[in-house]
Amino acid sequence: MPDHSRQYHVSSAVVVALPAMAGSVLAALARMENVEVYGHEGGKIVVVIEGTTTGMLGEALSTISTLEGVVAANMVFEHVETEGVTDDDHRTDAA
């Protein structure tokens, strides 16, 4: 039976920005595709990153870490949802 599974990755990360640059970092994060700011206080920012591969998440985190004013960007958690499709086109979802 062929493998028709699809994966969806969700990660949270903590971004630490220089407090004086937090506004510009938040603006840059808002412009990024598949990145959502969940919350922020001072220079600490919690983001959610979504994608179809772990590589997409890592690429987004690498981009975030290079933003001007960012001191650190660390992935905290990653979750993978897998959806499978059988040959008779009945879908099964597994978490």
C-alpha atoms as a PDB file:
ATOM      1  CA  MET A   1       0.000   0.000   0.000  1.00  0.00           C
ATOM      2  CA  PRO A   2       1.499   3.377  -0.979  1.00  0.00           C
ATOM      3  CA  ASP A   3       2.117   5.955   1.740  1.00  0.00           C
ATOM      4  CA  HIS A   4      -0.229   8.910   1.254  1.00  0.00           C
ATOM      5  CA  SER A   5       0.397  10.489   4.661  1.00  0.00           C
ATOM      6  CA  ARG A   6       0.812  14.218   5.042  1.00  0.00           C
ATOM      7  CA  GLN A   7       2.430  15.966   7.957  1.00  0.00           C
ATOM      8  CA  TYR A   8       1.769  19.348   9.507  1.00  0.00           C
ATOM      9  CA  HIS A   9       4.313  20.761  11.975  1.00  0.00           C
ATOM     10  CA  VAL A  10       3.617  23.329  14.682  1.00  0.00           C
ATOM     11  CA  SER A  11       6.316  24.799  16.898  1.00  0.00           C
ATOM     12  CA  SER A  12       6.580  27.404  19.603  1.00  0.00           C
ATOM     13  CA  ALA A  13       9.684  29.506  20.060  1.00  0.00           C
ATOM     14  CA  VAL A  14      10.910  32.225  22.387  1.00  0.00           C
ATOM     15  CA  VAL A  15      12.562  35.212  20.776  1.00  0.00           C
ATOM     16  CA  VAL A  16      14.607  37.620  22.880  1.00  0.00           C
ATOM     17  CA  ALA A  17      15.011  41.085  21.424  1.00  0.00           C
ATOM     18  CA  LEU A  18      16.763  44.194  22.632  1.00  0.00           C
ATOM     19  CA  PRO A  19      13.970  46.074  24.463  1.00  0.00           C
ATOM     20  CA  ALA A  20      14.634  49.222  22.426  1.00  0.00           C
ATOM     21  CA  MET A  21      14.174  47.220  19.181  1.00  0.00           C
ATOM     22  CA  ALA A  22      11.207  45.073  20.247  1.00  0.00           C
ATOM     23  CA  GLY A  23       8.760  47.113  18.147  1.00  0.00           C
ATOM     24  CA  SER A  24      10.710  46.653  14.937  1.00  0.00           C
ATOM     25  CA  VAL A  25      11.230  42.944  15.657  1.00  0.00           C
ATOM     26  CA  LEU A  26       7.475  42.508  16.236  1.00  0.00           C
ATOM     27  CA  ALA A  27       6.777  44.295  12.938  1.00  0.00           C
ATOM     28  CA  ALA A  28       9.216  42.018  11.088  1.00  0.00           C
ATOM     29  CA  LEU A  29       7.657  38.917  12.664  1.00  0.00           C
ATOM     30  CA  ALA A  30       4.180  40.089  11.623  1.00  0.00           C
ATOM     31  CA  ARG A  31       5.351  40.200   8.002  1.00  0.00           C
ATOM     32  CA  MET A  32       6.695  36.629   8.064  1.00  0.00           C
ATOM     33  CA  GLU A  33       4.639  33.871   6.482  1.00  0.00           C
ATOM     34  CA  ASN A  34       3.633  30.989   8.809  1.00  0.00           C
ATOM     35  CA  VAL A  35       4.784  32.901  11.908  1.00  0.00           C
ATOM     36  CA  GLU A  36       2.352  34.271  14.494  1.00  0.00           C
ATOM     37  CA  VAL A  37       3.182  36.305  17.583  1.00  0.00           C
ATOM     38  CA  TYR A  38       1.383  34.669  20.482  1.00  0.00           C
ATOM     39  CA  GLY A  39       2.463  37.161  23.143  1.00  0.00           C
ATOM     40  CA  HIS A  40       5.190  39.576  24.151  1.00  0.00           C
ATOM     41  CA  GLU A  41       6.438  41.589  27.085  1.00  0.00           C
ATOM     42  CA  GLY A  42       9.494  43.798  27.058  1.00  0.00           C
ATOM     43  CA  GLY A  43      12.004  42.104  24.804  1.00  0.00           C
ATOM     44  CA  LYS A  44      10.586  38.578  25.218  1.00  0.00           C
ATOM     45  CA  ILE A  45       8.361  37.353  22.379  1.00  0.00           C
ATOM     46  CA  VAL A  46       6.567  34.000  22.057  1.00  0.00           C
ATOM     47  CA  VAL A  47       5.859  32.902  18.487  1.00  0.00           C
ATOM     48  CA  VAL A  48       4.108  29.987  16.833  1.00  0.00           C
ATOM     49  CA  ILE A  49       5.654  28.678  13.601  1.00  0.00           C
ATOM     50  CA  GLU A  50       3.755  26.360  11.247  1.00  0.00           C
ATOM     51  CA  GLY A  51       4.820  24.362   8.195  1.00  0.00           C
ATOM     52  CA  THR A  52       4.744  21.066   6.363  1.00  0.00           C
ATOM     53  CA  THR A  53       8.273  19.985   7.357  1.00  0.00           C
ATOM     54  CA  THR A  54      10.654  20.359  10.275  1.00  0.00           C
ATOM     55  CA  GLY A  55      13.004  22.058   7.816  1.00  0.00           C
ATOM     56  CA  MET A  56      10.460  24.824   7.213  1.00  0.00           C
ATOM     57  CA  LEU A  57      10.293  25.476  10.946  1.00  0.00           C
ATOM     58  CA  GLY A  58      14.079  25.533  11.262  1.00  0.00           C
ATOM     59  CA  GLU A  59      14.382  27.855   8.287  1.00  0.00           C
ATOM     60  CA  ALA A  60      11.877  30.288   9.815  1.00  0.00           C
ATOM     61  CA  LEU A  61      13.674  30.171  13.165  1.00  0.00           C
ATOM     62  CA  SER A  62      17.013  30.816  11.452  1.00  0.00           C
ATOM     63  CA  THR A  63      15.523  33.813   9.654  1.00  0.00           C
ATOM     64  CA  ILE A  64      14.120  35.137  12.931  1.00  0.00           C
ATOM     65  CA  SER A  65      17.514  34.795  14.619  1.00  0.00           C
ATOM     66  CA  THR A  66      19.084  37.044  11.962  1.00  0.00           C
ATOM     67  CA  LEU A  67      16.586  39.891  12.387  1.00  0.00           C
ATOM     68  CA  GLU A  68      18.163  43.119  13.563  1.00  0.00           C
ATOM     69  CA  GLY A  69      17.618  43.495  17.298  1.00  0.00           C
ATOM     70  CA  VAL A  70      17.184  39.759  18.006  1.00  0.00           C
ATOM     71  CA  VAL A  71      19.550  38.461  20.674  1.00  0.00           C
ATOM     72  CA  ALA A  72      18.295  34.843  20.691  1.00  0.00           C
ATOM     73  CA  ALA A  73      15.623  32.665  19.084  1.00  0.00           C
ATOM     74  CA  ASN A  74      15.036  29.216  20.566  1.00  0.00           C
ATOM     75  CA  MET A  75      12.546  26.517  19.646  1.00  0.00           C
ATOM     76  CA  VAL A  76      10.709  25.342  22.734  1.00  0.00           C
ATOM     77  CA  PHE A  77       8.314  22.702  21.421  1.00  0.00           C
ATOM     78  CA  GLU A  78       7.385  20.962  18.180  1.00  0.00           C
ATOM     79  CA  HIS A  79       4.293  18.913  17.453  1.00  0.00           C
ATOM     80  CA  VAL A  80       3.609  16.894  14.293  1.00  0.00           C
ATOM     81  CA  GLU A  81       0.141  15.974  13.057  1.00  0.00           C
ATOM     82  CA  THR A  82       0.011  13.182  10.495  1.00  0.00           C
ATOM     83  CA  GLU A  83      -2.936  12.647   8.205  1.00  0.00           C
ATOM     84  CA  GLY A  84      -3.049   9.394   6.279  1.00  0.00           C
ATOM     85  CA  VAL A  85      -5.146   8.427   3.279  1.00  0.00           C
ATOM     86  CA  THR A  86      -5.826   4.763   2.533  1.00  0.00           C
ATOM     87  CA  ASP A  87      -6.040   3.324  -0.999  1.00  0.00           C
ATOM     88  CA  ASP A  88      -9.840   3.210  -0.889  1.00  0.00           C
ATOM     89  CA  ASP A  89      -9.830   6.991  -0.248  1.00  0.00           C
ATOM     90  CA  HIS A  90     -10.993   6.723   3.363  1.00  0.00           C
ATOM     91  CA  ARG A  91      -9.142   9.264   5.442  1.00  0.00           C
ATOM     92  CA  THR A  92      -7.704   8.525   8.829  1.00  0.00           C
ATOM     93  CA  ASP A  93      -6.263  11.145  11.157  1.00  0.00           C
ATOM     94  CA  ALA A  94      -3.682  10.388  13.797  1.00  0.00           C
ATOM     95  CA  ALA A  95      -2.126  12.728  16.329  1.00  0.00           C
END
